[in-house]
Protein backbone atom coordinates (compact mmCIF):
# COMPACT_ATOMS: atom_id res chain seq x y z
CA MET A 1 57.90 21.21 53.55
CA ASP A 2 60.66 23.47 52.54
CA ARG A 3 60.01 27.55 53.52
CA THR A 4 61.18 28.68 50.14
CA TYR A 5 58.42 26.22 48.52
CA LEU A 6 55.91 27.30 51.04
CA ASN A 7 56.70 30.93 50.14
CA LYS A 8 56.49 30.49 46.37
CA LEU A 9 53.23 28.69 46.77
CA SER A 10 51.93 31.39 48.67
CA LYS A 11 52.66 33.85 46.21
CA GLU A 12 50.95 31.65 43.68
CA ILE A 13 47.95 31.36 45.52
CA LEU A 14 47.73 35.24 46.26
CA ASP A 15 47.89 35.69 42.27
CA ALA A 16 45.12 33.08 41.71
CA CYS A 17 43.08 34.87 44.08
CA ILE A 18 43.90 38.36 42.80
CA ALA A 19 43.30 37.03 39.05
CA VAL A 20 39.80 35.44 40.19
CA HIS A 21 38.83 38.68 41.72
CA LYS A 22 39.94 40.72 38.73
CA ALA A 23 38.03 38.60 36.32
CA ILE A 24 34.67 38.06 38.33
CA GLY A 25 34.59 41.25 40.61
CA PRO A 26 33.06 41.66 44.15
CA GLY A 27 29.80 40.56 45.44
CA LEU A 28 29.32 37.16 44.87
CA LEU A 29 28.61 34.15 46.67
CA GLU A 30 31.53 32.67 48.59
CA SER A 31 30.72 29.25 46.59
CA VAL A 32 31.33 31.01 43.23
CA TYR A 33 34.73 32.23 44.29
CA GLU A 34 35.74 29.00 45.41
CA ALA A 35 34.72 27.50 42.35
CA CYS A 36 36.74 29.93 40.14
CA LEU A 37 39.48 29.69 42.38
CA MET A 38 39.75 25.73 42.04
CA HIS A 39 39.25 26.39 38.35
CA GLU A 40 42.33 28.93 38.41
CA PHE A 41 44.58 26.61 40.69
CA LYS A 42 44.00 23.93 37.84
CA LEU A 43 45.00 26.13 35.20
CA ARG A 44 48.21 26.82 37.10
CA GLY A 45 49.00 23.08 37.77
CA ILE A 46 48.68 23.72 41.65
CA LYS A 47 47.18 20.62 43.33
CA ALA A 48 44.11 21.86 45.55
CA LYS A 49 41.19 19.90 47.02
CA ASN A 50 37.85 21.76 48.14
CA GLN A 51 35.25 21.16 50.75
CA VAL A 52 37.65 18.74 52.46
CA VAL A 53 36.45 16.89 55.76
CA LEU A 54 38.39 16.83 58.66
CA PRO A 55 37.53 14.84 61.91
CA LEU A 56 37.17 16.87 65.48
CA ILE A 57 39.31 15.17 67.80
CA TYR A 58 39.13 16.04 71.56
CA LYS A 59 41.35 14.84 74.12
CA GLY A 60 42.07 11.79 71.74
CA GLN A 61 38.81 11.01 70.85
CA GLU A 62 36.98 11.73 67.64
CA ILE A 63 33.61 13.42 68.51
CA SER A 64 30.73 13.39 65.87
CA LYS A 65 31.15 16.64 64.64
CA ASP A 66 33.04 17.54 61.15
CA PHE A 67 35.31 20.40 60.15
CA ARG A 68 35.27 21.46 56.49
CA ILE A 69 38.08 23.10 54.95
CA ASP A 70 36.90 25.58 52.14
CA ILE A 71 40.23 24.71 49.83
CA LEU A 72 43.42 22.93 50.79
CA VAL A 73 46.38 23.40 48.60
CA GLU A 74 49.11 21.08 48.30
CA ASP A 75 48.16 19.32 51.27
CA GLU A 76 50.00 22.33 53.06
CA ILE A 77 48.03 25.55 52.99
CA ILE A 78 44.06 25.99 54.23
CA ILE A 79 42.07 28.43 52.41
CA GLU A 80 38.89 29.84 53.89
CA VAL A 81 37.05 31.63 51.37
CA LYS A 82 34.91 34.87 52.27
CA SER A 83 32.62 37.06 50.58
CA VAL A 84 32.20 40.22 52.97
CA ASP A 85 32.91 43.80 53.09
CA ALA A 86 35.38 43.44 56.03
CA ILE A 87 36.85 40.56 57.73
CA LEU A 88 35.69 40.89 61.52
CA PRO A 89 36.89 38.83 64.50
CA VAL A 90 34.06 36.22 64.08
CA HIS A 91 35.45 35.21 60.56
CA GLY A 92 38.77 34.11 62.38
CA LYS A 93 39.28 30.78 64.12
CA GLY A 94 37.56 30.04 67.31
């Protein structure tokens, strides 16, 4: 994908996240924010899928453990929805 397109898409995602937060405020469950964000993306014509399952591949072998992506936008950008007071190191990728 073109870098300019990804930058524009990232800005649109951030705008959508801010719109959701302004509309419903803090303190709700992550699943609520995820559902509202998916609706916001739909309103904006942004292609997104939620709860996307990715297989775990280790040394070329698929292991019977899946990863779940909260939201995958335009098959390019992964969103991990968090509803916490502060982001801690444990919330990052391992």
